[in-house]
Amino acid sequence: MGSLDSSEEVFTIMSEKTILACRLVLAISMPLSNAYCFFQPLKPEMSNGEHAGELHEFDSHWTTDNCHDCSCSRDGIDCCSSFATPAGYNEEKCVSIFNKETCTYKVAEKDDHSKECPVHNWVG
């Protein structure tokens, strides 16, 4: 009977760890999935996708200069933002600054960009 209790204890610990791991994955993936997207359908006569004046092959993927992750299919071009935009901060005291190299925003005091401001909401 002692081994049964031990195996039940191991199962309980493993179940708790699995639940914790699932919660961690969900917590990380939720903010990452908060992106806005847009779709540009292809015209019937097109043999490739065109986005911002550039031709792209079907099944290709790229990141634009404005930090959008795009893909081309026979239906059209899908693009989604690869960044979140700050929304809940003191706009009188602070300013949002976009870094195109890292595709991220920083929110800092208007008078001193070295002092970051708290952000309460981010939108994709």
PDB file of N, CA and C in Angstrom:
ATOM      1  N   MET A   1       0.825  -1.194   0.000  1.00  0.00           N
ATOM      2  CA  MET A   1       0.000   0.000   0.000  1.00  0.00           C
ATOM      3  C   MET A   1       0.864   1.250   0.000  1.00  0.00           C
ATOM      4  N   GLY A   2       2.065   1.155   0.590  1.00  0.00           N
ATOM      5  CA  GLY A   2       2.960   2.297   0.641  1.00  0.00           C
ATOM      6  C   GLY A   2       3.388   2.763  -0.726  1.00  0.00           C
ATOM      7  N   SER A   3       3.618   1.826  -1.681  1.00  0.00           N
ATOM      8  CA  SER A   3       4.048   2.217  -3.017  1.00  0.00           C
ATOM      9  C   SER A   3       2.920   2.895  -3.782  1.00  0.00           C
ATOM     10  N   LEU A   4       1.681   2.503  -3.490  1.00  0.00           N
ATOM     11  CA  LEU A   4       0.542   3.125  -4.152  1.00  0.00           C
ATOM     12  C   LEU A   4       0.433   4.590  -3.741  1.00  0.00           C
ATOM     13  N   ASP A   5       0.621   4.847  -2.451  1.00  0.00           N
ATOM     14  CA  ASP A   5       0.589   6.221  -1.981  1.00  0.00           C
ATOM     15  C   ASP A   5       1.710   7.036  -2.611  1.00  0.00           C
ATOM     16  N   SER A   6       2.880   6.421  -2.737  1.00  0.00           N
ATOM     17  CA  SER A   6       4.026   7.096  -3.336  1.00  0.00           C
ATOM     18  C   SER A   6       3.764   7.423  -4.808  1.00  0.00           C
ATOM     19  N   SER A   7       3.171   6.469  -5.557  1.00  0.00           N
ATOM     20  CA  SER A   7       2.889   6.729  -6.971  1.00  0.00           C
ATOM     21  C   SER A   7       1.795   7.783  -7.122  1.00  0.00           C
ATOM     22  N   GLU A   8       0.814   7.768  -6.228  1.00  0.00           N
ATOM     23  CA  GLU A   8      -0.217   8.814  -6.266  1.00  0.00           C
ATOM     24  C   GLU A   8       0.388  10.182  -5.986  1.00  0.00           C
ATOM     25  N   GLU A   9       1.343  10.218  -5.059  1.00  0.00           N
ATOM     26  CA  GLU A   9       2.017  11.475  -4.729  1.00  0.00           C
ATOM     27  C   GLU A   9       2.822  11.978  -5.926  1.00  0.00           C
ATOM     28  N   VAL A  10       3.534  11.079  -6.602  1.00  0.00           N
ATOM     29  CA  VAL A  10       4.301  11.446  -7.795  1.00  0.00           C
ATOM     30  C   VAL A  10       3.359  11.955  -8.879  1.00  0.00           C
ATOM     31  N   PHE A  11       2.235  11.254  -9.082  1.00  0.00           N
ATOM     32  CA  PHE A  11       1.251  11.679 -10.086  1.00  0.00           C
ATOM     33  C   PHE A  11       0.707  13.070  -9.760  1.00  0.00           C
ATOM     34  N   THR A  12       0.411  13.324  -8.496  1.00  0.00           N
ATOM     35  CA  THR A  12      -0.109  14.624  -8.071  1.00  0.00           C
ATOM     36  C   THR A  12       0.917  15.726  -8.329  1.00  0.00           C
ATOM     37  N   ILE A  13       2.181  15.459  -7.992  1.00  0.00           N
ATOM     38  CA  ILE A  13       3.240  16.451  -8.215  1.00  0.00           C
ATOM     39  C   ILE A  13       3.401  16.713  -9.704  1.00  0.00           C
ATOM     40  N   MET A  14       3.400  15.653 -10.523  1.00  0.00           N
ATOM     41  CA  MET A  14       3.539  15.806 -11.977  1.00  0.00           C
ATOM     42  C   MET A  14       2.356  16.574 -12.554  1.00  0.00           C
ATOM     43  N   SER A  15       1.151  16.298 -12.055  1.00  0.00           N
ATOM     44  CA  SER A  15      -0.045  17.008 -12.526  1.00  0.00           C
ATOM     45  C   SER A  15       0.041  18.491 -12.196  1.00  0.00           C
ATOM     46  N   GLU A  16       0.496  18.796 -10.983  1.00  0.00           N
ATOM     47  CA  GLU A  16       0.638  20.191 -10.584  1.00  0.00           C
ATOM     48  C   GLU A  16       1.682  20.901 -11.442  1.00  0.00           C
ATOM     49  N   LYS A  17       2.790  20.213 -11.738  1.00  0.00           N
ATOM     50  CA  LYS A  17       3.824  20.803 -12.589  1.00  0.00           C
ATOM     51  C   LYS A  17       3.305  21.007 -14.007  1.00  0.00           C
ATOM     52  N   THR A  18       2.514  20.063 -14.509  1.00  0.00           N
ATOM     53  CA  THR A  18       1.947  20.187 -15.852  1.00  0.00           C
ATOM     54  C   THR A  18       0.996  21.375 -15.918  1.00  0.00           C
ATOM     55  N   ILE A  19       0.159  21.512 -14.923  1.00  0.00           N
ATOM     56  CA  ILE A  19      -0.777  22.644 -14.874  1.00  0.00           C
ATOM     57  C   ILE A  19      -0.007  23.960 -14.793  1.00  0.00           C
ATOM     58  N   LEU A  20       1.037  24.006 -13.976  1.00  0.00           N
ATOM     59  CA  LEU A  20       1.853  25.209 -13.858  1.00  0.00           C
ATOM     60  C   LEU A  20       2.512  25.538 -15.197  1.00  0.00           C
ATOM     61  N   ALA A  21       3.043  24.524 -15.887  1.00  0.00           N
ATOM     62  CA  ALA A  21       3.677  24.741 -17.191  1.00  0.00           C
ATOM     63  C   ALA A  21       2.658  25.262 -18.198  1.00  0.00           C
ATOM     64  N   CYS A  22       1.456  24.712 -18.211  1.00  0.00           N
ATOM     65  CA  CYS A  22       0.408  25.182 -19.124  1.00  0.00           C
ATOM     66  C   CYS A  22       0.026  26.630 -18.835  1.00  0.00           C
ATOM     67  N   ARG A  23      -0.067  26.976 -17.570  1.00  0.00           N
ATOM     68  CA  ARG A  23      -0.382  28.362 -17.202  1.00  0.00           C
ATOM     69  C   ARG A  23       0.721  29.316 -17.654  1.00  0.00           C
ATOM     70  N   LEU A  24       1.967  28.876 -17.515  1.00  0.00           N
ATOM     71  CA  LEU A  24       3.095  29.699 -17.934  1.00  0.00           C
ATOM     72  C   LEU A  24       3.055  29.921 -19.450  1.00  0.00           C
ATOM     73  N   VAL A  25       2.822  28.866 -20.210  1.00  0.00           N
ATOM     74  CA  VAL A  25       2.735  28.991 -21.668  1.00  0.00           C
ATOM     75  C   VAL A  25       1.585  29.926 -22.049  1.00  0.00           C
ATOM     76  N   LEU A  26       0.456  29.771 -21.408  1.00  0.00           N
ATOM     77  CA  LEU A  26      -0.696  30.630 -21.686  1.00  0.00           C
ATOM     78  C   LEU A  26      -0.392  32.086 -21.332  1.00  0.00           C
ATOM     79  N   ALA A  27       0.253  32.318 -20.209  1.00  0.00           N
ATOM     80  CA  ALA A  27       0.581  33.688 -19.797  1.00  0.00           C
ATOM     81  C   ALA A  27       1.538  34.348 -20.778  1.00  0.00           C
ATOM     82  N   ILE A  28       2.462  33.580 -21.320  1.00  0.00           N
ATOM     83  CA  ILE A  28       3.419  34.133 -22.269  1.00  0.00           C
ATOM     84  C   ILE A  28       2.777  34.338 -23.636  1.00  0.00           C
ATOM     85  N   SER A  29       1.960  33.393 -24.067  1.00  0.00           N
ATOM     86  CA  SER A  29       1.401  33.463 -25.415  1.00  0.00           C
ATOM     87  C   SER A  29       0.274  34.477 -25.548  1.00  0.00           C
ATOM     88  N   MET A  30      -0.456  34.758 -24.501  1.00  0.00           N
ATOM     89  CA  MET A  30      -1.561  35.719 -24.589  1.00  0.00           C
ATOM     90  C   MET A  30      -1.081  37.105 -25.025  1.00  0.00           C
ATOM     91  N   PRO A  31      -0.069  37.696 -24.399  1.00  0.00           N
ATOM     92  CA  PRO A  31       0.369  39.013 -24.871  1.00  0.00           C
ATOM     93  C   PRO A  31       0.960  38.950 -26.277  1.00  0.00           C
ATOM     94  N   LEU A  32       1.580  37.845 -26.636  1.00  0.00           N
ATOM     95  CA  LEU A  32       2.184  37.746 -27.955  1.00  0.00           C
ATOM     96  C   LEU A  32       1.139  37.636 -29.048  1.00  0.00           C
ATOM     97  N   SER A  33      -0.056  37.154 -28.702  1.00  0.00           N
ATOM     98  CA  SER A  33      -1.073  36.977 -29.720  1.00  0.00           C
ATOM     99  C   SER A  33      -1.940  38.216 -29.885  1.00  0.00           C
ATOM    100  N   ASN A  34      -1.645  39.279 -29.161  1.00  0.00           N
ATOM    101  CA  ASN A  34      -2.447  40.488 -29.213  1.00  0.00           C
ATOM    102  C   ASN A  34      -1.947  41.421 -30.314  1.00  0.00           C
ATOM    103  N   ALA A  35      -1.887  40.909 -31.532  1.00  0.00           N
ATOM    104  CA  ALA A  35      -1.393  41.688 -32.659  1.00  0.00           C
ATOM    105  C   ALA A  35      -2.562  42.076 -33.550  1.00  0.00           C
ATOM    106  N   TYR A  36      -2.420  43.181 -34.263  1.00  0.00           N
ATOM    107  CA  TYR A  36      -3.442  43.498 -35.237  1.00  0.00           C
ATOM    108  C   TYR A  36      -2.948  43.035 -36.594  1.00  0.00           C
ATOM    109  N   CYS A  37      -3.879  42.611 -37.429  1.00  0.00           N
ATOM    110  CA  CYS A  37      -3.529  42.050 -38.724  1.00  0.00           C
ATOM    111  C   CYS A  37      -4.365  42.701 -39.819  1.00  0.00           C
ATOM    112  N   PHE A  38      -3.857  42.591 -41.028  1.00  0.00           N
ATOM    113  CA  PHE A  38      -4.642  43.016 -42.190  1.00  0.00           C
ATOM    114  C   PHE A  38      -4.353  42.075 -43.349  1.00  0.00           C
ATOM    115  N   PHE A  39      -5.292  42.020 -44.295  1.00  0.00           N
ATOM    116  CA  PHE A  39      -5.195  41.115 -45.433  1.00  0.00           C
ATOM    117  C   PHE A  39      -5.355  41.910 -46.725  1.00  0.00           C
ATOM    118  N   GLN A  40      -4.487  41.642 -47.680  1.00  0.00           N
ATOM    119  CA  GLN A  40      -4.552  42.278 -48.993  1.00  0.00           C
ATOM    120  C   GLN A  40      -4.780  41.161 -50.019  1.00  0.00           C
ATOM    121  N   PRO A  41      -6.009  41.052 -50.558  1.00  0.00           N
ATOM    122  CA  PRO A  41      -6.270  39.977 -51.519  1.00  0.00           C
ATOM    123  C   PRO A  41      -5.506  40.201 -52.824  1.00  0.00           C
ATOM    124  N   LEU A  42      -5.150  39.104 -53.481  1.00  0.00           N
ATOM    125  CA  LEU A  42      -4.471  39.196 -54.768  1.00  0.00           C
ATOM    126  C   LEU A  42      -5.494  39.409 -55.871  1.00  0.00           C
ATOM    127  N   LYS A  43      -5.086  40.129 -56.882  1.00  0.00           N
ATOM    128  CA  LYS A  43      -5.927  40.289 -58.060  1.00  0.00           C
ATOM    129  C   LYS A  43      -5.787  39.029 -58.899  1.00  0.00           C
ATOM    130  N   PRO A  44      -6.844  38.589 -59.583  1.00  0.00           N
ATOM    131  CA  PRO A  44      -6.795  37.330 -60.337  1.00  0.00           C
ATOM    132  C   PRO A  44      -5.656  37.253 -61.348  1.00  0.00           C
ATOM    133  N   GLU A  45      -5.259  38.351 -61.930  1.00  0.00           N
ATOM    134  CA  GLU A  45      -4.226  38.324 -62.966  1.00  0.00           C
ATOM    135  C   GLU A  45      -2.802  38.293 -62.411  1.00  0.00           C
ATOM    136  N   MET A  46      -2.643  38.372 -61.082  1.00  0.00           N
ATOM    137  CA  MET A  46      -1.302  38.419 -60.489  1.00  0.00           C
ATOM    138  C   MET A  46      -0.730  37.008 -60.339  1.00  0.00           C
ATOM    139  N   SER A  47       0.551  36.862 -60.650  1.00  0.00           N
ATOM    140  CA  SER A  47       1.226  35.578 -60.463  1.00  0.00           C
ATOM    141  C   SER A  47       2.093  35.588 -59.209  1.00  0.00           C
ATOM    142  N   ASN A  48       2.258  36.732 -58.598  1.00  0.00           N
ATOM    143  CA  ASN A  48       2.994  36.901 -57.339  1.00  0.00           C
ATOM    144  C   ASN A  48       2.241  37.913 -56.486  1.00  0.00           C
ATOM    145  N   GLY A  49       2.588  37.985 -55.224  1.00  0.00           N
ATOM    146  CA  GLY A  49       1.976  38.974 -54.356  1.00  0.00           C
ATOM    147  C   GLY A  49       2.747  40.278 -54.397  1.00  0.00           C
ATOM    148  N   GLU A  50       2.023  41.386 -54.302  1.00  0.00           N
ATOM    149  CA  GLU A  50       2.677  42.693 -54.277  1.00  0.00           C
ATOM    150  C   GLU A  50       2.261  43.411 -53.012  1.00  0.00           C
ATOM    151  N   HIS A  51       3.253  43.866 -52.268  1.00  0.00           N
ATOM    152  CA  HIS A  51       3.001  44.614 -51.041  1.00  0.00           C
ATOM    153  C   HIS A  51       3.947  45.793 -51.009  1.00  0.00           C
ATOM    154  N   ALA A  52       3.406  46.986 -50.876  1.00  0.00           N
ATOM    155  CA  ALA A  52       4.194  48.222 -50.805  1.00  0.00           C
ATOM    156  C   ALA A  52       5.147  48.335 -52.002  1.00  0.00           C
ATOM    157  N   GLY A  53       4.658  47.934 -53.167  1.00  0.00           N
ATOM    158  CA  GLY A  53       5.445  48.067 -54.393  1.00  0.00           C
ATOM    159  C   GLY A  53       6.480  46.983 -54.603  1.00  0.00           C
ATOM    160  N   GLU A  54       6.556  46.013 -53.693  1.00  0.00           N
ATOM    161  CA  GLU A  54       7.519  44.918 -53.822  1.00  0.00           C
ATOM    162  C   GLU A  54       6.783  43.626 -54.158  1.00  0.00           C
ATOM    163  N   LEU A  55       7.334  42.848 -55.095  1.00  0.00           N
ATOM    164  CA  LEU A  55       6.762  41.550 -55.435  1.00  0.00           C
ATOM    165  C   LEU A  55       7.295  40.487 -54.481  1.00  0.00           C
ATOM    166  N   HIS A  56       6.422  39.557 -54.104  1.00  0.00           N
ATOM    167  CA  HIS A  56       6.800  38.469 -53.203  1.00  0.00           C
ATOM    168  C   HIS A  56       6.286  37.157 -53.776  1.00  0.00           C
ATOM    169  N   GLU A  57       7.083  36.122 -53.682  1.00  0.00           N
ATOM    170  CA  GLU A  57       6.693  34.807 -54.158  1.00  0.00           C
ATOM    171  C   GLU A  57       5.664  34.190 -53.222  1.00  0.00           C
ATOM    172  N   PHE A  58       4.825  33.292 -53.771  1.00  0.00           N
ATOM    173  CA  PHE A  58       3.881  32.560 -52.941  1.00  0.00           C
ATOM    174  C   PHE A  58       4.641  31.747 -51.894  1.00  0.00           C
ATOM    175  N   ASP A  59       4.050  31.623 -50.725  1.00  0.00           N
ATOM    176  CA  ASP A  59       4.620  30.893 -49.586  1.00  0.00           C
ATOM    177  C   ASP A  59       5.882  31.543 -49.022  1.00  0.00           C
ATOM    178  N   SER A  60       6.090  32.830 -49.297  1.00  0.00           N
ATOM    179  CA  SER A  60       7.238  33.531 -48.727  1.00  0.00           C
ATOM    180  C   SER A  60       6.808  34.292 -47.472  1.00  0.00           C
ATOM    181  N   HIS A  61       7.779  34.592 -46.626  1.00  0.00           N
ATOM    182  CA  HIS A  61       7.555  35.315 -45.366  1.00  0.00           C
ATOM    183  C   HIS A  61       8.612  36.398 -45.248  1.00  0.00           C
ATOM    184  N   TRP A  62       8.241  37.558 -44.694  1.00  0.00           N
ATOM    185  CA  TRP A  62       9.185  38.650 -44.519  1.00  0.00           C
ATOM    186  C   TRP A  62       8.675  39.603 -43.446  1.00  0.00           C
ATOM    187  N   THR A  63       9.559  40.461 -42.979  1.00  0.00           N
ATOM    188  CA  THR A  63       9.212  41.513 -42.022  1.00  0.00           C
ATOM    189  C   THR A  63       9.417  42.848 -42.721  1.00  0.00           C
ATOM    190  N   THR A  64       8.421  43.721 -42.629  1.00  0.00           N
ATOM    191  CA  THR A  64       8.489  45.019 -43.287  1.00  0.00           C
ATOM    192  C   THR A  64       9.338  45.999 -42.477  1.00  0.00           C
ATOM    193  N   ASP A  65       9.620  47.142 -43.080  1.00  0.00           N
ATOM    194  CA  ASP A  65      10.364  48.194 -42.380  1.00  0.00           C
ATOM    195  C   ASP A  65       9.579  48.743 -41.193  1.00  0.00           C
ATOM    196  N   ASN A  66       8.246  48.544 -41.208  1.00  0.00           N
ATOM    197  CA  ASN A  66       7.393  49.032 -40.126  1.00  0.00           C
ATOM    198  C   ASN A  66       7.060  47.942 -39.111  1.00  0.00           C
ATOM    199  N   CYS A  67       7.867  46.869 -39.101  1.00  0.00           N
ATOM    200  CA  CYS A  67       7.736  45.809 -38.096  1.00  0.00           C
ATOM    201  C   CYS A  67       6.443  45.013 -38.206  1.00  0.00           C
ATOM    202  N   HIS A  68       6.037  44.705 -39.424  1.00  0.00           N
ATOM    203  CA  HIS A  68       4.914  43.800 -39.648  1.00  0.00           C
ATOM    204  C   HIS A  68       5.460  42.499 -40.220  1.00  0.00           C
ATOM    205  N   ASP A  69       4.993  41.374 -39.675  1.00  0.00           N
ATOM    206  CA  ASP A  69       5.353  40.063 -40.195  1.00  0.00           C
ATOM    207  C   ASP A  69       4.325  39.698 -41.254  1.00  0.00           C
ATOM    208  N   CYS A  70       4.804  39.444 -42.474  1.00  0.00           N
ATOM    209  CA  CYS A  70       3.907  39.202 -43.592  1.00  0.00           C
ATOM    210  C   CYS A  70       4.182  37.846 -44.226  1.00  0.00           C
ATOM    211  N   SER A  71       3.158  37.316 -44.879  1.00  0.00           N
ATOM    212  CA  SER A  71       3.297  36.089 -45.655  1.00  0.00           C
ATOM    213  C   SER A  71       2.419  36.204 -46.890  1.00  0.00           C
ATOM    214  N   CYS A  72       2.861  35.546 -47.965  1.00  0.00           N
ATOM    215  CA  CYS A  72       2.152  35.597 -49.239  1.00  0.00           C
ATOM    216  C   CYS A  72       1.622  34.204 -49.572  1.00  0.00           C
ATOM    217  N   SER A  73       0.347  34.140 -49.909  1.00  0.00           N
ATOM    218  CA  SER A  73      -0.260  32.889 -50.356  1.00  0.00           C
ATOM    219  C   SER A  73      -0.991  33.166 -51.669  1.00  0.00           C
ATOM    220  N   ARG A  74      -1.598  32.166 -52.241  1.00  0.00           N
ATOM    221  CA  ARG A  74      -2.344  32.343 -53.498  1.00  0.00           C
ATOM    222  C   ARG A  74      -3.616  33.156 -53.289  1.00  0.00           C
ATOM    223  N   ASP A  75      -4.036  33.305 -52.020  1.00  0.00           N
ATOM    224  CA  ASP A  75      -5.218  34.109 -51.710  1.00  0.00           C
ATOM    225  C   ASP A  75      -4.879  35.586 -51.535  1.00  0.00           C
ATOM    226  N   GLY A  76      -3.675  35.855 -51.055  1.00  0.00           N
ATOM    227  CA  GLY A  76      -3.293  37.241 -50.825  1.00  0.00           C
ATOM    228  C   GLY A  76      -2.152  37.340 -49.835  1.00  0.00           C
ATOM    229  N   ILE A  77      -1.982  38.538 -49.308  1.00  0.00           N
ATOM    230  CA  ILE A  77      -0.901  38.802 -48.371  1.00  0.00           C
ATOM    231  C   ILE A  77      -1.497  39.106 -47.001  1.00  0.00           C
ATOM    232  N   ASP A  78      -1.036  38.363 -45.993  1.00  0.00           N
ATOM    233  CA  ASP A  78      -1.417  38.575 -44.604  1.00  0.00           C
ATOM    234  C   ASP A  78      -0.262  39.252 -43.890  1.00  0.00           C
ATOM    235  N   CYS A  79      -0.574  40.305 -43.149  1.00  0.00           N
ATOM    236  CA  CYS A  79       0.450  40.974 -42.338  1.00  0.00           C
ATOM    237  C   CYS A  79      -0.111  41.201 -40.936  1.00  0.00           C
ATOM    238  N   CYS A  80       0.731  40.992 -39.949  1.00  0.00           N
ATOM    239  CA  CYS A  80       0.361  41.238 -38.555  1.00  0.00           C
ATOM    240  C   CYS A  80       1.472  42.033 -37.880  1.00  0.00           C
ATOM    241  N   SER A  81       1.075  42.890 -36.970  1.00  0.00           N
ATOM    242  CA  SER A  81       2.079  43.649 -36.228  1.00  0.00           C
ATOM    243  C   SER A  81       2.898  42.687 -35.381  1.00  0.00           C
ATOM    244  N   SER A  82       4.166  42.985 -35.249  1.00  0.00           N
ATOM    245  CA  SER A  82       5.030  42.161 -34.410  1.00  0.00           C
ATOM    246  C   SER A  82       5.360  42.904 -33.122  1.00  0.00           C
ATOM    247  N   PHE A  83       4.524  43.863 -32.768  1.00  0.00           N
ATOM    248  CA  PHE A  83       4.774  44.689 -31.589  1.00  0.00           C
ATOM    249  C   PHE A  83       3.461  45.035 -30.912  1.00  0.00           C
ATOM    250  N   ALA A  84       3.541  45.465 -29.682  1.00  0.00           N
ATOM    251  CA  ALA A  84       2.385  45.971 -28.943  1.00  0.00           C
ATOM    252  C   ALA A  84       2.582  47.475 -28.743  1.00  0.00           C
ATOM    253  N   THR A  85       1.472  48.199 -28.773  1.00  0.00           N
ATOM    254  CA  THR A  85       1.497  49.657 -28.634  1.00  0.00           C
ATOM    255  C   THR A  85       1.022  50.038 -27.230  1.00  0.00           C
ATOM    256  N   PRO A  86       1.757  50.894 -26.538  1.00  0.00           N
ATOM    257  CA  PRO A  86       1.327  51.297 -25.198  1.00  0.00           C
ATOM    258  C   PRO A  86       0.072  52.155 -25.262  1.00  0.00           C
ATOM    259  N   ALA A  87      -0.859  51.893 -24.346  1.00  0.00           N
ATOM    260  CA  ALA A  87      -2.110  52.647 -24.339  1.00  0.00           C
ATOM    261  C   ALA A  87      -2.428  53.250 -22.977  1.00  0.00           C
ATOM    262  N   GLY A  88      -2.083  52.590 -21.915  1.00  0.00           N
ATOM    263  CA  GLY A  88      -2.439  53.064 -20.585  1.00  0.00           C
ATOM    264  C   GLY A  88      -1.264  53.679 -19.859  1.00  0.00           C
ATOM    265  N   TYR A  89      -0.990  54.933 -20.158  1.00  0.00           N
ATOM    266  CA  TYR A  89       0.088  55.646 -19.467  1.00  0.00           C
ATOM    267  C   TYR A  89      -0.267  57.125 -19.402  1.00  0.00           C
ATOM    268  N   ASN A  90       0.455  57.880 -18.610  1.00  0.00           N
ATOM    269  CA  ASN A  90       0.199  59.307 -18.430  1.00  0.00           C
ATOM    270  C   ASN A  90       0.708  60.070 -19.662  1.00  0.00           C
ATOM    271  N   GLU A  91      -0.201  60.390 -20.576  1.00  0.00           N
ATOM    272  CA  GLU A  91       0.181  61.038 -21.833  1.00  0.00           C
ATOM    273  C   GLU A  91       0.579  62.508 -21.658  1.00  0.00           C
ATOM    274  N   GLU A  92       0.196  63.127 -20.537  1.00  0.00           N
ATOM    275  CA  GLU A  92       0.602  64.512 -20.285  1.00  0.00           C
ATOM    276  C   GLU A  92       2.079  64.580 -19.876  1.00  0.00           C
ATOM    277  N   LYS A  93       2.506  63.582 -19.132  1.00  0.00           N
ATOM    278  CA  LYS A  93       3.867  63.563 -18.597  1.00  0.00           C
ATOM    279  C   LYS A  93       4.837  62.740 -19.461  1.00  0.00           C
ATOM    280  N   CYS A  94       4.290  61.766 -20.211  1.00  0.00           N
ATOM    281  CA  CYS A  94       5.144  60.787 -20.891  1.00  0.00           C
ATOM    282  C   CYS A  94       4.868  60.734 -22.396  1.00  0.00           C
ATOM    283  N   VAL A  95       5.825  60.146 -23.114  1.00  0.00           N
ATOM    284  CA  VAL A  95       5.729  60.001 -24.564  1.00  0.00           C
ATOM    285  C   VAL A  95       6.160  58.580 -24.933  1.00  0.00           C
ATOM    286  N   SER A  96       5.494  58.012 -25.955  1.00  0.00           N
ATOM    287  CA  SER A  96       5.908  56.689 -26.424  1.00  0.00           C
ATOM    288  C   SER A  96       6.891  56.866 -27.575  1.00  0.00           C
ATOM    289  N   ILE A  97       7.947  56.067 -27.545  1.00  0.00           N
ATOM    290  CA  ILE A  97       9.019  56.162 -28.541  1.00  0.00           C
ATOM    291  C   ILE A  97       9.172  54.786 -29.187  1.00  0.00           C
ATOM    292  N   PHE A  98       9.005  54.716 -30.511  1.00  0.00           N
ATOM    293  CA  PHE A  98       9.100  53.439 -31.223  1.00  0.00           C
ATOM    294  C   PHE A  98      10.510  53.234 -31.759  1.00  0.00           C
ATOM    295  N   ASN A  99      11.058  52.055 -31.519  1.00  0.00           N
ATOM    296  CA  ASN A  99      12.384  51.693 -32.008  1.00  0.00           C
ATOM    297  C   ASN A  99      12.200  50.692 -33.145  1.00  0.00           C
ATOM    298  N   LYS A 100      12.436  51.137 -34.398  1.00  0.00           N
ATOM    299  CA  LYS A 100      12.237  50.266 -35.560  1.00  0.00           C
ATOM    300  C   LYS A 100      13.247  49.127 -35.622  1.00  0.00           C
ATOM    301  N   GLU A 101      14.394  49.292 -34.985  1.00  0.00           N
ATOM    302  CA  GLU A 101      15.395  48.223 -35.008  1.00  0.00           C
ATOM    303  C   GLU A 101      14.982  47.044 -34.138  1.00  0.00           C
ATOM    304  N   THR A 102      14.345  47.309 -33.005  1.00  0.00           N
ATOM    305  CA  THR A 102      13.908  46.237 -32.106  1.00  0.00           C
ATOM    306  C   THR A 102      12.407  45.977 -32.188  1.00  0.00           C
ATOM    307  N   CYS A 103      11.683  46.816 -32.930  1.00  0.00           N
ATOM    308  CA  CYS A 103      10.223  46.703 -33.071  1.00  0.00           C
ATOM    309  C   CYS A 103       9.531  46.746 -31.708  1.00  0.00           C
ATOM    310  N   THR A 104       9.974  47.670 -30.865  1.00  0.00           N
ATOM    311  CA  THR A 104       9.390  47.815 -29.535  1.00  0.00           C
ATOM    312  C   THR A 104       9.164  49.291 -29.218  1.00  0.00           C
ATOM    313  N   TYR A 105       8.224  49.518 -28.299  1.00  0.00           N
ATOM    314  CA  TYR A 105       7.983  50.860 -27.778  1.00  0.00           C
ATOM    315  C   TYR A 105       8.631  51.006 -26.414  1.00  0.00           C
ATOM    316  N   LYS A 106       9.057  52.205 -26.138  1.00  0.00           N
ATOM    317  CA  LYS A 106       9.514  52.602 -24.809  1.00  0.00           C
ATOM    318  C   LYS A 106       8.651  53.800 -24.442  1.00  0.00           C
ATOM    319  N   VAL A 107       8.201  53.863 -23.218  1.00  0.00           N
ATOM    320  CA  VAL A 107       7.437  55.013 -22.745  1.00  0.00           C
ATOM    321  C   VAL A 107       8.285  55.711 -21.696  1.00  0.00           C
ATOM    322  N   ALA A 108       8.606  56.960 -21.973  1.00  0.00           N
ATOM    323  CA  ALA A 108       9.504  57.712 -21.104  1.00  0.00           C
ATOM    324  C   ALA A 108       8.937  59.098 -20.819  1.00  0.00           C
ATOM    325  N   GLU A 109       9.491  59.724 -19.799  1.00  0.00           N
ATOM    326  CA  GLU A 109       9.075  61.089 -19.479  1.00  0.00           C
ATOM    327  C   GLU A 109       9.449  62.013 -20.636  1.00  0.00           C
ATOM    328  N   LYS A 110       8.585  62.963 -20.931  1.00  0.00           N
ATOM    329  CA  LYS A 110       8.827  63.884 -22.041  1.00  0.00           C
ATOM    330  C   LYS A 110      10.103  64.694 -21.844  1.00  0.00           C
ATOM    331  N   ASP A 111      10.351  65.099 -20.600  1.00  0.00           N
ATOM    332  CA  ASP A 111      11.503  65.950 -20.309  1.00  0.00           C
ATOM    333  C   ASP A 111      12.812  65.172 -20.115  1.00  0.00           C
ATOM    334  N   ASP A 112      12.690  63.872 -19.857  1.00  0.00           N
ATOM    335  CA  ASP A 112      13.888  63.060 -19.609  1.00  0.00           C
ATOM    336  C   ASP A 112      13.634  61.637 -20.103  1.00  0.00           C
ATOM    337  N   HIS A 113      14.084  61.345 -21.323  1.00  0.00           N
ATOM    338  CA  HIS A 113      13.822  60.041 -21.938  1.00  0.00           C
ATOM    339  C   HIS A 113      14.530  58.888 -21.226  1.00  0.00           C
ATOM    340  N   SER A 114      15.423  59.186 -20.290  1.00  0.00           N
ATOM    341  CA  SER A 114      16.085  58.113 -19.543  1.00  0.00           C
ATOM    342  C   SER A 114      15.194  57.578 -18.420  1.00  0.00           C
ATOM    343  N   LYS A 115      14.121  58.311 -18.092  1.00  0.00           N
ATOM    344  CA  LYS A 115      13.197  57.890 -17.035  1.00  0.00           C
ATOM    345  C   LYS A 115      11.955  57.278 -17.671  1.00  0.00           C
ATOM    346  N   GLU A 116      11.806  55.965 -17.478  1.00  0.00           N
ATOM    347  CA  GLU A 116      10.664  55.267 -18.059  1.00  0.00           C
ATOM    348  C   GLU A 116       9.414  55.487 -17.230  1.00  0.00           C
ATOM    349  N   CYS A 117       8.271  55.472 -17.916  1.00  0.00           N
ATOM    350  CA  CYS A 117       6.962  55.638 -17.272  1.00  0.00           C
ATOM    351  C   CYS A 117       6.259  54.282 -17.208  1.00  0.00           C
ATOM    352  N   PRO A 118       5.446  54.090 -16.172  1.00  0.00           N
ATOM    353  CA  PRO A 118       4.672  52.841 -16.098  1.00  0.00           C
ATOM    354  C   PRO A 118       3.592  52.806 -17.175  1.00  0.00           C
ATOM    355  N   VAL A 119       3.385  51.622 -17.758  1.00  0.00           N
ATOM    356  CA  VAL A 119       2.355  51.409 -18.778  1.00  0.00           C
ATOM    357  C   VAL A 119       1.405  50.357 -18.245  1.00  0.00           C
ATOM    358  N   HIS A 120       0.107  50.654 -18.267  1.00  0.00           N
ATOM    359  CA  HIS A 120      -0.891  49.760 -17.692  1.00  0.00           C
ATOM    360  C   HIS A 120      -1.601  48.911 -18.744  1.00  0.00           C
ATOM    361  N   ASN A 121      -1.607  49.358 -19.995  1.00  0.00           N
ATOM    362  CA  ASN A 121      -2.284  48.617 -21.053  1.00  0.00           C
ATOM    363  C   ASN A 121      -1.432  48.649 -22.323  1.00  0.00           C
ATOM    364  N   TRP A 122      -1.411  47.525 -23.036  1.00  0.00           N
ATOM    365  CA  TRP A 122      -0.736  47.416 -24.329  1.00  0.00           C
ATOM    366  C   TRP A 122      -1.732  46.849 -25.319  1.00  0.00           C
ATOM    367  N   VAL A 123      -1.765  47.355 -26.521  1.00  0.00           N
ATOM    368  CA  VAL A 123      -2.658  46.826 -27.566  1.00  0.00           C
ATOM    369  C   VAL A 123      -1.835  46.441 -28.777  1.00  0.00           C
ATOM    370  N   GLY A 124      -2.319  45.440 -29.518  1.00  0.00           N
ATOM    371  CA  GLY A 124      -1.588  44.936 -30.680  1.00  0.00           C
ATOM    372  C   GLY A 124      -1.973  45.551 -31.952  1.00  0.00           C
TER     373      GLY A 124
END
